[in-house]
Amino acid sequence: MRVHQLTFAALAVAAGLTLTACQNGEDGTAQGGPSPSSTSSSSSTAPAAPAPATSSDGKGKTAGTNTGSGSGSGESGKAGKCRTDDLEITAIDSTVGGDTDGTVAVQLKNRGGGDCTLSEYAGVDLKTSAGTLSAKRTGEHPGPAVLKKGTAVSFGVTYPLNTSGGSGVRVTGLTVTPPDETKSVTLAWPGAATLPVTDGSGSAVEVGPIGSAGQGG
């Protein structure tokens, strides 16, 4: 009877050990394997940054970069020179009574598509019965001026009045060449019909700079 009791006790111990081993296998944790916390850390990898977009020429572009061109540069925004074909040129007599010299005001009106620039002096030649007489500059230097679209500016041409009583030199026309231009415009002479005969010492006709005879719209 004692032998049977010992055998039964041994079997009970063996069964308990077997049950313990089965429970250890069921909880999913093997001896020496990683713990649940270490497995979670290794799987939490930060996502990689997206690669830059690539253009057709193979060069990378940064996302959000504005590739549109800006407004025109200061250089391209500058007004160009006034051209003869863009100017309406007229001349009127502006002599004031009592003056010893006569004055003709020449007006340049910008009829072009945009603003343009005029530098100091226009070229002025008087056509006379004795030939062409070129006006000399008065010597002032006001610098270039911007003539806005649709506006006008004037300069003066002064000349001696013929008070000698003689026939003098007959004036037949006025030729104007805008600053920095080669194309001229010939106008009717609006001033006195004649100039006094000179001794040949030089032109007594003078031209003032752009703006010297006032400015109109």
N, C-alpha and C. Protein backbone atom coordinates (compact mmCIF):
# COMPACT_ATOMS: atom_id res chain seq x y z
N MET A 1 0.84 -1.19 0.00
CA MET A 1 0.00 0.00 0.00
C MET A 1 0.88 1.25 0.00
N ARG A 2 1.93 1.25 0.70
CA ARG A 2 2.85 2.40 0.77
C ARG A 2 3.50 2.63 -0.56
N VAL A 3 3.77 1.55 -1.27
CA VAL A 3 4.40 1.69 -2.59
C VAL A 3 3.46 2.38 -3.53
N HIS A 4 2.19 2.03 -3.52
CA HIS A 4 1.21 2.67 -4.39
C HIS A 4 1.05 4.15 -4.07
N GLN A 5 1.08 4.51 -2.79
CA GLN A 5 0.94 5.91 -2.41
C GLN A 5 2.12 6.75 -2.91
N LEU A 6 3.33 6.22 -2.82
CA LEU A 6 4.51 6.95 -3.30
C LEU A 6 4.45 7.12 -4.81
N THR A 7 4.00 6.10 -5.50
CA THR A 7 3.90 6.19 -6.97
C THR A 7 2.90 7.23 -7.38
N PHE A 8 1.78 7.27 -6.70
CA PHE A 8 0.74 8.26 -7.00
C PHE A 8 1.25 9.69 -6.74
N ALA A 9 1.99 9.87 -5.66
CA ALA A 9 2.56 11.19 -5.35
C ALA A 9 3.55 11.63 -6.41
N ALA A 10 4.35 10.69 -6.91
CA ALA A 10 5.34 11.01 -7.94
C ALA A 10 4.65 11.43 -9.22
N LEU A 11 3.59 10.72 -9.55
CA LEU A 11 2.84 11.07 -10.76
C LEU A 11 2.21 12.47 -10.64
N ALA A 12 1.71 12.81 -9.45
CA ALA A 12 1.11 14.13 -9.24
C ALA A 12 2.13 15.25 -9.42
N VAL A 13 3.35 15.01 -8.89
CA VAL A 13 4.41 16.03 -9.05
C VAL A 13 4.76 16.23 -10.52
N ALA A 14 4.88 15.12 -11.26
CA ALA A 14 5.24 15.17 -12.68
C ALA A 14 4.17 15.89 -13.47
N ALA A 15 2.92 15.62 -13.14
CA ALA A 15 1.82 16.30 -13.85
C ALA A 15 1.84 17.80 -13.60
N GLY A 16 2.16 18.20 -12.37
CA GLY A 16 2.23 19.65 -12.06
C GLY A 16 3.30 20.36 -12.84
N LEU A 17 4.46 19.68 -12.98
CA LEU A 17 5.56 20.28 -13.75
C LEU A 17 5.18 20.44 -15.21
N THR A 18 4.48 19.42 -15.74
CA THR A 18 4.07 19.47 -17.15
C THR A 18 3.08 20.61 -17.38
N LEU A 19 2.12 20.79 -16.46
CA LEU A 19 1.15 21.88 -16.57
C LEU A 19 1.81 23.24 -16.54
N THR A 20 2.82 23.41 -15.68
CA THR A 20 3.56 24.68 -15.59
C THR A 20 4.27 25.00 -16.88
N ALA A 21 4.89 23.98 -17.51
CA ALA A 21 5.61 24.18 -18.78
C ALA A 21 4.67 24.59 -19.88
N CYS A 22 3.45 24.00 -19.92
CA CYS A 22 2.47 24.35 -20.95
C CYS A 22 1.98 25.78 -20.79
N GLN A 23 1.77 26.21 -19.52
CA GLN A 23 1.34 27.59 -19.30
C GLN A 23 2.38 28.61 -19.74
N ASN A 24 3.67 28.30 -19.52
CA ASN A 24 4.73 29.21 -19.96
C ASN A 24 4.76 29.35 -21.48
N GLY A 25 4.43 28.32 -22.19
CA GLY A 25 4.43 28.38 -23.65
C GLY A 25 3.23 29.13 -24.18
N GLU A 26 2.11 29.10 -23.48
CA GLU A 26 0.89 29.73 -23.97
C GLU A 26 0.90 31.24 -23.87
N ASP A 27 1.68 31.85 -22.95
CA ASP A 27 1.63 33.32 -22.83
C ASP A 27 2.48 34.01 -23.90
N GLY A 28 3.08 33.27 -24.85
CA GLY A 28 3.79 33.82 -26.01
C GLY A 28 5.15 34.35 -25.72
N THR A 29 5.67 34.10 -24.46
CA THR A 29 7.00 34.63 -24.14
C THR A 29 7.96 33.49 -23.97
N ALA A 30 8.94 33.43 -24.89
CA ALA A 30 9.94 32.37 -24.78
C ALA A 30 11.11 32.88 -23.99
N GLN A 31 11.80 31.96 -23.36
CA GLN A 31 12.95 32.33 -22.53
C GLN A 31 14.03 32.95 -23.40
N GLY A 32 14.51 34.09 -23.02
CA GLY A 32 15.59 34.78 -23.76
C GLY A 32 15.06 35.62 -24.91
N GLY A 33 13.73 35.62 -25.25
CA GLY A 33 13.17 36.43 -26.34
C GLY A 33 13.00 37.87 -25.92
N PRO A 34 12.72 38.76 -26.85
CA PRO A 34 12.57 40.20 -26.53
C PRO A 34 11.29 40.45 -25.79
N SER A 35 11.34 41.47 -24.93
CA SER A 35 10.16 41.83 -24.17
C SER A 35 9.22 42.64 -25.05
N PRO A 36 7.93 42.66 -24.72
CA PRO A 36 7.00 43.44 -25.53
C PRO A 36 7.39 44.89 -25.69
N SER A 37 7.95 45.50 -24.63
CA SER A 37 8.31 46.91 -24.72
C SER A 37 9.44 47.13 -25.69
N SER A 38 10.46 46.28 -25.73
CA SER A 38 11.59 46.46 -26.64
C SER A 38 11.16 46.25 -28.07
N THR A 39 10.22 45.38 -28.34
CA THR A 39 9.72 45.16 -29.70
C THR A 39 8.99 46.40 -30.20
N SER A 40 8.20 47.07 -29.35
CA SER A 40 7.46 48.28 -29.73
C SER A 40 8.41 49.42 -30.07
N SER A 41 9.50 49.56 -29.34
CA SER A 41 10.45 50.64 -29.60
C SER A 41 11.11 50.47 -30.95
N SER A 42 11.48 49.26 -31.30
CA SER A 42 12.19 49.04 -32.55
C SER A 42 11.29 49.26 -33.75
N SER A 43 9.97 49.12 -33.57
CA SER A 43 9.07 49.28 -34.71
C SER A 43 8.62 50.72 -34.88
N SER A 44 8.89 51.61 -33.88
CA SER A 44 8.45 53.02 -33.97
C SER A 44 9.52 53.86 -34.66
N THR A 45 9.75 53.61 -35.93
CA THR A 45 10.77 54.35 -36.70
C THR A 45 10.16 55.58 -37.33
N ALA A 46 10.82 56.73 -37.21
CA ALA A 46 10.30 57.98 -37.76
C ALA A 46 10.23 57.90 -39.28
N PRO A 47 9.16 58.43 -39.92
CA PRO A 47 9.05 58.35 -41.37
C PRO A 47 10.13 59.19 -42.04
N ALA A 48 10.63 58.69 -43.16
CA ALA A 48 11.68 59.40 -43.88
C ALA A 48 11.12 60.65 -44.54
N ALA A 49 11.96 61.72 -44.67
CA ALA A 49 11.53 62.97 -45.31
C ALA A 49 11.31 62.72 -46.78
N PRO A 50 10.26 63.34 -47.38
CA PRO A 50 10.00 63.11 -48.80
C PRO A 50 11.12 63.68 -49.65
N ALA A 51 11.43 62.97 -50.73
CA ALA A 51 12.49 63.41 -51.63
C ALA A 51 12.03 64.64 -52.41
N PRO A 52 12.93 65.56 -52.73
CA PRO A 52 12.53 66.76 -53.48
C PRO A 52 12.02 66.39 -54.86
N ALA A 53 11.07 67.21 -55.36
CA ALA A 53 10.55 66.96 -56.70
C ALA A 53 11.64 67.17 -57.72
N THR A 54 11.58 66.45 -58.81
CA THR A 54 12.61 66.51 -59.84
C THR A 54 12.01 67.05 -61.12
N SER A 55 12.62 68.08 -61.69
CA SER A 55 12.13 68.66 -62.93
C SER A 55 12.57 67.81 -64.10
N SER A 56 12.09 68.20 -65.32
CA SER A 56 12.40 67.43 -66.51
C SER A 56 13.88 67.45 -66.85
N ASP A 57 14.61 68.46 -66.34
CA ASP A 57 16.04 68.50 -66.63
C ASP A 57 16.87 67.78 -65.58
N GLY A 58 16.18 67.12 -64.61
CA GLY A 58 16.89 66.33 -63.62
C GLY A 58 17.31 67.09 -62.41
N LYS A 59 16.99 68.38 -62.32
CA LYS A 59 17.39 69.19 -61.17
C LYS A 59 16.30 69.22 -60.13
N GLY A 60 16.69 69.13 -58.89
CA GLY A 60 15.72 69.12 -57.82
C GLY A 60 15.12 70.49 -57.59
N LYS A 61 13.86 70.54 -57.17
CA LYS A 61 13.19 71.79 -56.84
C LYS A 61 12.65 71.70 -55.43
N THR A 62 12.72 72.76 -54.70
CA THR A 62 12.20 72.79 -53.34
C THR A 62 10.70 73.04 -53.38
N ALA A 63 9.96 72.25 -52.64
CA ALA A 63 8.51 72.38 -52.64
C ALA A 63 8.11 73.77 -52.16
N GLY A 64 7.15 74.37 -52.86
CA GLY A 64 6.63 75.68 -52.46
C GLY A 64 7.40 76.84 -53.03
N THR A 65 8.45 76.61 -53.83
CA THR A 65 9.23 77.70 -54.41
C THR A 65 8.45 78.34 -55.53
N ASN A 66 8.35 79.69 -55.53
CA ASN A 66 7.66 80.41 -56.59
C ASN A 66 8.60 80.59 -57.75
N THR A 67 8.30 79.92 -58.87
CA THR A 67 9.20 79.98 -60.03
C THR A 67 8.77 81.05 -61.02
N GLY A 68 7.70 81.79 -60.73
CA GLY A 68 7.26 82.84 -61.64
C GLY A 68 8.21 84.01 -61.61
N SER A 69 8.31 84.71 -62.75
CA SER A 69 9.20 85.85 -62.83
C SER A 69 8.56 87.05 -62.16
N GLY A 70 9.39 87.96 -61.67
CA GLY A 70 8.90 89.14 -60.99
C GLY A 70 8.61 90.25 -61.98
N SER A 71 8.42 91.44 -61.46
CA SER A 71 8.14 92.58 -62.31
C SER A 71 9.40 93.00 -63.03
N GLY A 72 9.22 93.85 -63.98
CA GLY A 72 10.36 94.28 -64.77
C GLY A 72 11.43 94.93 -63.94
N SER A 73 12.73 94.80 -64.34
CA SER A 73 13.84 95.39 -63.60
C SER A 73 13.83 96.91 -63.79
N GLY A 74 14.60 97.69 -62.92
CA GLY A 74 14.72 99.15 -63.02
C GLY A 74 15.29 99.57 -64.35
N GLU A 75 16.15 98.64 -64.88
CA GLU A 75 16.75 98.96 -66.16
C GLU A 75 15.73 98.98 -67.26
N SER A 76 14.87 97.91 -67.33
CA SER A 76 13.88 97.82 -68.39
C SER A 76 12.78 98.84 -68.21
N GLY A 77 12.58 99.42 -66.99
CA GLY A 77 11.56 100.38 -66.73
C GLY A 77 11.92 101.80 -67.10
N LYS A 78 13.14 102.03 -67.46
CA LYS A 78 13.58 103.38 -67.82
C LYS A 78 12.93 103.83 -69.11
N ALA A 79 12.57 105.15 -69.20
CA ALA A 79 11.99 105.69 -70.42
C ALA A 79 13.06 105.82 -71.49
N GLY A 80 12.71 105.46 -72.71
CA GLY A 80 13.65 105.58 -73.82
C GLY A 80 13.72 107.01 -74.33
N LYS A 81 14.61 107.26 -75.27
CA LYS A 81 14.76 108.59 -75.84
C LYS A 81 13.56 108.93 -76.72
N CYS A 82 13.18 110.20 -76.73
CA CYS A 82 12.09 110.65 -77.58
C CYS A 82 12.55 110.63 -79.04
N ARG A 83 11.78 109.99 -79.88
CA ARG A 83 12.09 109.90 -81.30
C ARG A 83 11.28 110.93 -82.09
N THR A 84 11.83 111.37 -83.19
CA THR A 84 11.17 112.39 -84.00
C THR A 84 9.76 111.96 -84.40
N ASP A 85 9.60 110.70 -84.79
CA ASP A 85 8.30 110.21 -85.25
C ASP A 85 7.26 110.17 -84.13
N ASP A 86 7.71 110.22 -82.87
CA ASP A 86 6.79 110.19 -81.73
C ASP A 86 6.50 111.58 -81.18
N LEU A 87 7.04 112.60 -81.84
CA LEU A 87 6.87 113.98 -81.36
C LEU A 87 6.07 114.81 -82.36
N GLU A 88 5.16 115.60 -81.82
CA GLU A 88 4.46 116.60 -82.62
C GLU A 88 5.16 117.93 -82.37
N ILE A 89 5.80 118.48 -83.40
CA ILE A 89 6.64 119.66 -83.25
C ILE A 89 5.96 120.86 -83.91
N THR A 90 5.79 121.91 -83.14
CA THR A 90 5.17 123.15 -83.64
C THR A 90 5.99 124.34 -83.17
N ALA A 91 5.77 125.50 -83.81
CA ALA A 91 6.49 126.72 -83.44
C ALA A 91 5.56 127.91 -83.53
N ILE A 92 5.68 128.81 -82.54
CA ILE A 92 4.87 130.04 -82.54
C ILE A 92 5.76 131.23 -82.18
N ASP A 93 5.31 132.41 -82.62
CA ASP A 93 6.02 133.63 -82.26
C ASP A 93 5.66 134.00 -80.83
N SER A 94 6.65 134.17 -79.97
CA SER A 94 6.38 134.55 -78.58
C SER A 94 7.16 135.79 -78.18
N THR A 95 7.41 136.65 -79.16
CA THR A 95 8.13 137.89 -78.90
C THR A 95 7.27 138.83 -78.06
N VAL A 96 7.87 139.40 -77.04
CA VAL A 96 7.18 140.35 -76.17
C VAL A 96 7.48 141.77 -76.67
N GLY A 97 6.42 142.57 -76.76
CA GLY A 97 6.61 143.95 -77.25
C GLY A 97 7.64 144.71 -76.45
N GLY A 98 8.49 145.43 -77.14
CA GLY A 98 9.51 146.22 -76.48
C GLY A 98 10.86 145.51 -76.39
N ASP A 99 10.89 144.18 -76.63
CA ASP A 99 12.17 143.44 -76.59
C ASP A 99 13.04 143.82 -77.79
N THR A 100 14.34 143.82 -77.57
CA THR A 100 15.26 144.10 -78.66
C THR A 100 15.51 142.86 -79.52
N ASP A 101 15.19 141.70 -78.97
CA ASP A 101 15.34 140.44 -79.70
C ASP A 101 13.97 139.78 -79.87
N GLY A 102 13.83 139.05 -80.97
CA GLY A 102 12.61 138.30 -81.19
C GLY A 102 12.75 136.90 -80.59
N THR A 103 11.61 136.29 -80.30
CA THR A 103 11.63 134.95 -79.72
C THR A 103 10.59 134.06 -80.40
N VAL A 104 11.01 132.86 -80.73
CA VAL A 104 10.11 131.83 -81.24
C VAL A 104 10.13 130.67 -80.25
N ALA A 105 8.95 130.21 -79.84
CA ALA A 105 8.87 129.06 -78.93
C ALA A 105 8.56 127.81 -79.75
N VAL A 106 9.42 126.82 -79.61
CA VAL A 106 9.22 125.54 -80.30
C VAL A 106 8.71 124.53 -79.28
N GLN A 107 7.58 123.90 -79.60
CA GLN A 107 6.97 122.94 -78.67
C GLN A 107 7.12 121.52 -79.20
N LEU A 108 7.48 120.62 -78.27
CA LEU A 108 7.58 119.19 -78.58
C LEU A 108 6.53 118.46 -77.74
N LYS A 109 5.59 117.79 -78.39
CA LYS A 109 4.54 117.06 -77.69
C LYS A 109 4.71 115.57 -77.91
N ASN A 110 4.67 114.82 -76.82
CA ASN A 110 4.86 113.37 -76.88
C ASN A 110 3.54 112.70 -77.30
N ARG A 111 3.50 112.21 -78.50
CA ARG A 111 2.32 111.50 -79.00
C ARG A 111 2.61 110.00 -79.16
N GLY A 112 3.69 109.54 -78.55
CA GLY A 112 4.06 108.12 -78.61
C GLY A 112 3.27 107.29 -77.63
N GLY A 113 3.65 106.04 -77.50
CA GLY A 113 2.92 105.11 -76.65
C GLY A 113 3.31 105.12 -75.19
N GLY A 114 4.34 105.86 -74.82
CA GLY A 114 4.77 105.91 -73.42
C GLY A 114 5.66 107.09 -73.17
N ASP A 115 6.16 107.20 -71.94
CA ASP A 115 7.06 108.29 -71.57
C ASP A 115 8.37 108.18 -72.35
N CYS A 116 9.02 109.32 -72.56
CA CYS A 116 10.32 109.31 -73.23
C CYS A 116 11.20 110.41 -72.64
N THR A 117 12.48 110.37 -72.96
CA THR A 117 13.45 111.29 -72.36
C THR A 117 14.03 112.24 -73.40
N LEU A 118 14.12 113.50 -73.04
CA LEU A 118 14.74 114.53 -73.88
C LEU A 118 15.97 115.07 -73.15
N SER A 119 17.10 115.11 -73.83
CA SER A 119 18.29 115.71 -73.23
C SER A 119 18.41 117.16 -73.70
N GLU A 120 19.13 117.90 -73.00
CA GLU A 120 19.26 119.35 -73.02
C GLU A 120 18.87 120.16 -74.26
N TYR A 121 19.49 119.92 -75.41
CA TYR A 121 19.27 120.81 -76.55
C TYR A 121 18.79 120.09 -77.81
N ALA A 122 17.90 120.76 -78.53
CA ALA A 122 17.54 120.32 -79.87
C ALA A 122 18.41 121.09 -80.87
N GLY A 123 18.53 120.55 -82.06
CA GLY A 123 19.25 121.27 -83.10
C GLY A 123 18.29 122.20 -83.83
N VAL A 124 18.71 123.43 -84.08
CA VAL A 124 17.86 124.41 -84.74
C VAL A 124 18.64 125.10 -85.87
N ASP A 125 18.04 125.10 -87.05
CA ASP A 125 18.63 125.78 -88.21
C ASP A 125 17.58 126.65 -88.87
N LEU A 126 17.96 127.87 -89.20
CA LEU A 126 17.07 128.76 -89.93
C LEU A 126 17.45 128.73 -91.41
N LYS A 127 16.45 128.54 -92.25
CA LYS A 127 16.67 128.62 -93.69
C LYS A 127 16.45 130.07 -94.11
N THR A 128 17.46 130.65 -94.74
CA THR A 128 17.36 132.06 -95.13
C THR A 128 17.73 132.24 -96.59
N SER A 129 17.50 133.43 -97.07
CA SER A 129 17.85 133.75 -98.46
C SER A 129 19.35 133.74 -98.68
N ALA A 130 20.11 133.76 -97.57
CA ALA A 130 21.57 133.75 -97.66
C ALA A 130 22.15 132.37 -97.33
N GLY A 131 21.27 131.38 -97.13
CA GLY A 131 21.73 130.04 -96.78
C GLY A 131 21.24 129.60 -95.40
N THR A 132 21.76 128.48 -94.94
CA THR A 132 21.33 127.95 -93.64
C THR A 132 22.10 128.61 -92.51
N LEU A 133 21.38 129.00 -91.48
CA LEU A 133 21.97 129.64 -90.31
C LEU A 133 21.68 128.77 -89.09
N SER A 134 22.73 128.22 -88.48
CA SER A 134 22.56 127.35 -87.32
C SER A 134 22.57 128.15 -86.03
N ALA A 135 21.60 127.84 -85.17
CA ALA A 135 21.52 128.54 -83.88
C ALA A 135 22.56 127.97 -82.93
N LYS A 136 23.16 128.83 -82.12
CA LYS A 136 24.12 128.37 -81.13
C LYS A 136 23.44 128.20 -79.77
N ARG A 137 23.97 127.31 -78.96
CA ARG A 137 23.38 127.03 -77.65
C ARG A 137 23.70 128.15 -76.66
N THR A 138 22.76 128.36 -75.74
CA THR A 138 22.97 129.40 -74.72
C THR A 138 23.97 128.96 -73.64
N GLY A 139 24.20 127.66 -73.52
CA GLY A 139 25.21 127.16 -72.58
C GLY A 139 24.67 126.64 -71.27
N GLU A 140 23.38 126.73 -71.03
CA GLU A 140 22.81 126.19 -69.78
C GLU A 140 22.76 124.66 -69.85
N HIS A 141 22.84 124.02 -68.68
CA HIS A 141 22.83 122.55 -68.64
C HIS A 141 21.86 122.05 -67.57
N PRO A 142 20.56 122.02 -67.89
CA PRO A 142 19.58 121.58 -66.90
C PRO A 142 19.50 120.07 -66.74
N GLY A 143 20.12 119.35 -67.63
CA GLY A 143 20.05 117.88 -67.55
C GLY A 143 18.85 117.35 -68.31
N PRO A 144 18.81 116.03 -68.53
CA PRO A 144 17.70 115.43 -69.28
C PRO A 144 16.37 115.52 -68.53
N ALA A 145 15.28 115.49 -69.29
CA ALA A 145 13.95 115.57 -68.70
C ALA A 145 13.06 114.47 -69.28
N VAL A 146 12.17 113.93 -68.45
CA VAL A 146 11.23 112.91 -68.91
C VAL A 146 9.97 113.60 -69.40
N LEU A 147 9.60 113.31 -70.64
CA LEU A 147 8.39 113.86 -71.23
C LEU A 147 7.32 112.78 -71.20
N LYS A 148 6.33 112.97 -70.34
CA LYS A 148 5.29 111.96 -70.17
C LYS A 148 4.37 111.92 -71.38
N LYS A 149 3.77 110.77 -71.58
CA LYS A 149 2.87 110.57 -72.71
C LYS A 149 1.76 111.62 -72.71
N GLY A 150 1.57 112.27 -73.86
CA GLY A 150 0.51 113.25 -74.01
C GLY A 150 0.84 114.64 -73.55
N THR A 151 2.02 114.86 -72.97
CA THR A 151 2.40 116.19 -72.50
C THR A 151 3.39 116.84 -73.45
N ALA A 152 3.63 118.13 -73.24
CA ALA A 152 4.51 118.88 -74.14
C ALA A 152 5.49 119.72 -73.36
N VAL A 153 6.59 120.05 -74.01
CA VAL A 153 7.60 120.92 -73.43
C VAL A 153 8.10 121.84 -74.54
N SER A 154 8.55 123.02 -74.16
CA SER A 154 8.98 124.01 -75.17
C SER A 154 10.38 124.53 -74.88
N PHE A 155 11.01 125.02 -75.92
CA PHE A 155 12.28 125.73 -75.75
C PHE A 155 12.25 126.97 -76.64
N GLY A 156 13.09 127.92 -76.31
CA GLY A 156 13.07 129.20 -77.03
C GLY A 156 14.20 129.34 -78.04
N VAL A 157 13.88 130.03 -79.11
CA VAL A 157 14.88 130.42 -80.12
C VAL A 157 14.84 131.95 -80.19
N THR A 158 15.95 132.59 -79.87
CA THR A 158 16.01 134.05 -79.92
C THR A 158 16.84 134.52 -81.10
N TYR A 159 16.49 135.66 -81.66
CA TYR A 159 17.17 136.18 -82.85
C TYR A 159 17.09 137.71 -82.83
N PRO A 160 18.02 138.39 -83.46
CA PRO A 160 17.98 139.86 -83.48
C PRO A 160 16.91 140.37 -84.45
N LEU A 161 16.19 141.39 -84.03
CA LEU A 161 15.19 142.00 -84.90
C LEU A 161 15.88 142.96 -85.89
N ASN A 162 15.34 143.00 -87.07
CA ASN A 162 15.91 143.87 -88.09
C ASN A 162 15.34 145.27 -87.94
N THR A 163 16.10 146.11 -87.28
CA THR A 163 15.67 147.50 -87.07
C THR A 163 16.53 148.48 -87.88
N SER A 164 17.27 147.93 -88.85
CA SER A 164 18.19 148.76 -89.62
C SER A 164 17.48 149.58 -90.70
N GLY A 165 16.29 149.20 -91.05
CA GLY A 165 15.58 149.90 -92.13
C GLY A 165 15.86 149.28 -93.47
N GLY A 166 16.84 148.38 -93.55
CA GLY A 166 17.16 147.73 -94.81
C GLY A 166 16.33 146.45 -95.00
N SER A 167 16.54 145.83 -96.15
CA SER A 167 15.77 144.62 -96.47
C SER A 167 16.18 143.43 -95.61
N GLY A 168 17.42 143.42 -95.16
CA GLY A 168 17.90 142.34 -94.30
C GLY A 168 17.96 140.98 -95.00
N VAL A 169 18.00 139.93 -94.20
CA VAL A 169 18.07 138.55 -94.72
C VAL A 169 16.72 137.89 -94.48
N ARG A 170 16.09 137.42 -95.53
CA ARG A 170 14.76 136.84 -95.42
C ARG A 170 14.81 135.42 -94.86
N VAL A 171 13.97 135.15 -93.87
CA VAL A 171 13.89 133.81 -93.27
C VAL A 171 12.78 133.02 -93.96
N THR A 172 13.09 131.82 -94.45
CA THR A 172 12.11 131.02 -95.20
C THR A 172 11.65 129.76 -94.48
N GLY A 173 12.30 129.38 -93.42
CA GLY A 173 11.88 128.16 -92.73
C GLY A 173 12.70 127.88 -91.47
N LEU A 174 12.20 126.95 -90.67
CA LEU A 174 12.84 126.57 -89.41
C LEU A 174 12.97 125.05 -89.37
N THR A 175 14.18 124.56 -89.23
CA THR A 175 14.42 123.12 -89.16
C THR A 175 14.79 122.73 -87.73
N VAL A 176 14.06 121.76 -87.17
CA VAL A 176 14.27 121.32 -85.79
C VAL A 176 14.64 119.84 -85.78
N THR A 177 15.72 119.53 -85.07
CA THR A 177 16.14 118.15 -84.87
C THR A 177 16.09 117.84 -83.38
N PRO A 178 15.20 116.95 -82.93
CA PRO A 178 15.11 116.63 -81.50
C PRO A 178 16.44 116.14 -80.95
N PRO A 179 16.67 116.30 -79.64
CA PRO A 179 17.93 115.85 -79.03
C PRO A 179 18.24 114.39 -79.33
N ASP A 180 19.48 114.11 -79.64
CA ASP A 180 19.99 112.76 -79.90
C ASP A 180 19.29 112.08 -81.07
N GLU A 181 18.74 112.86 -81.99
CA GLU A 181 18.10 112.32 -83.18
C GLU A 181 18.79 112.83 -84.44
N THR A 182 18.57 112.14 -85.56
CA THR A 182 19.13 112.58 -86.83
C THR A 182 18.04 113.00 -87.81
N LYS A 183 16.79 112.63 -87.51
CA LYS A 183 15.66 112.98 -88.37
C LYS A 183 15.12 114.34 -87.97
N SER A 184 14.99 115.24 -88.94
CA SER A 184 14.57 116.62 -88.68
C SER A 184 13.16 116.88 -89.20
N VAL A 185 12.59 117.96 -88.71
CA VAL A 185 11.29 118.44 -89.16
C VAL A 185 11.45 119.90 -89.55
N THR A 186 10.95 120.28 -90.74
CA THR A 186 11.03 121.66 -91.19
C THR A 186 9.66 122.32 -91.05
N LEU A 187 9.64 123.46 -90.37
CA LEU A 187 8.40 124.18 -90.08
C LEU A 187 8.43 125.56 -90.75
N ALA A 188 7.24 126.13 -90.88
CA ALA A 188 7.16 127.53 -91.34
C ALA A 188 7.74 128.42 -90.25
N TRP A 189 8.45 129.46 -90.64
CA TRP A 189 9.04 130.39 -89.67
C TRP A 189 7.96 131.36 -89.19
N PRO A 190 7.65 131.34 -87.87
CA PRO A 190 6.57 132.20 -87.36
C PRO A 190 7.04 133.57 -86.88
N GLY A 191 8.34 133.81 -86.90
CA GLY A 191 8.87 135.07 -86.37
C GLY A 191 8.90 136.18 -87.41
N ALA A 192 9.72 137.17 -87.12
CA ALA A 192 9.88 138.31 -88.03
C ALA A 192 10.37 137.83 -89.39
N ALA A 193 9.97 138.55 -90.43
CA ALA A 193 10.26 138.09 -91.79
C ALA A 193 11.75 138.13 -92.14
N THR A 194 12.47 139.06 -91.52
CA THR A 194 13.88 139.21 -91.88
C THR A 194 14.78 139.33 -90.65
N LEU A 195 16.04 139.06 -90.88
CA LEU A 195 17.09 139.25 -89.88
C LEU A 195 18.01 140.36 -90.37
N PRO A 196 18.64 141.07 -89.46
CA PRO A 196 19.60 142.08 -89.92
C PRO A 196 20.81 141.41 -90.55
N VAL A 197 21.41 142.08 -91.48
CA VAL A 197 22.62 141.57 -92.11
C VAL A 197 23.76 141.65 -91.10
N THR A 198 24.49 140.57 -90.94
CA THR A 198 25.60 140.54 -89.97
C THR A 198 26.92 140.73 -90.68
N ASP A 199 27.95 140.94 -89.87
CA ASP A 199 29.29 141.13 -90.42
C ASP A 199 30.04 139.82 -90.58
N GLY A 200 29.33 138.70 -90.33
CA GLY A 200 29.96 137.40 -90.50
C GLY A 200 30.75 136.93 -89.29
N SER A 201 30.61 137.61 -88.16
CA SER A 201 31.37 137.26 -86.96
C SER A 201 30.78 136.06 -86.20
N GLY A 202 29.63 135.58 -86.65
CA GLY A 202 29.02 134.44 -85.97
C GLY A 202 27.51 134.57 -85.95
N SER A 203 26.84 133.48 -85.60
CA SER A 203 25.39 133.49 -85.58
C SER A 203 24.87 134.29 -84.39
N ALA A 204 23.90 135.15 -84.69
CA ALA A 204 23.26 135.90 -83.61
C ALA A 204 21.99 135.20 -83.14
N VAL A 205 21.69 134.03 -83.69
CA VAL A 205 20.51 133.24 -83.31
C VAL A 205 20.92 132.24 -82.24
N GLU A 206 20.16 132.18 -81.15
CA GLU A 206 20.48 131.29 -80.05
C GLU A 206 19.31 130.36 -79.73
N VAL A 207 19.62 129.15 -79.28
CA VAL A 207 18.59 128.18 -78.86
C VAL A 207 18.80 127.85 -77.40
N GLY A 208 17.72 127.90 -76.63
CA GLY A 208 17.78 127.55 -75.23
C GLY A 208 17.55 126.05 -75.03
N PRO A 209 17.84 125.54 -73.83
CA PRO A 209 17.65 124.12 -73.54
C PRO A 209 16.17 123.76 -73.47
N ILE A 210 15.89 122.46 -73.52
CA ILE A 210 14.52 121.97 -73.39
C ILE A 210 13.90 122.50 -72.09
N GLY A 211 12.72 123.11 -72.21
CA GLY A 211 12.05 123.67 -71.03
C GLY A 211 12.29 125.15 -70.82
N SER A 212 13.13 125.77 -71.64
CA SER A 212 13.48 127.17 -71.41
C SER A 212 12.38 128.14 -71.81
N ALA A 213 11.35 127.66 -72.52
CA ALA A 213 10.24 128.54 -72.90
C ALA A 213 8.93 128.10 -72.27
N GLY A 214 9.02 127.43 -71.12
CA GLY A 214 7.81 126.98 -70.43
C GLY A 214 7.37 125.61 -70.89
N GLN A 215 6.33 125.10 -70.29
CA GLN A 215 5.86 123.74 -70.55
C GLN A 215 4.34 123.73 -70.54
N GLY A 216 3.79 123.06 -71.51
CA GLY A 216 2.34 122.97 -71.61
C GLY A 216 1.85 121.55 -71.66
N GLY A 217 0.49 121.37 -71.55
CA GLY A 217 -0.09 120.03 -71.60
C GLY A 217 -0.46 119.64 -72.99
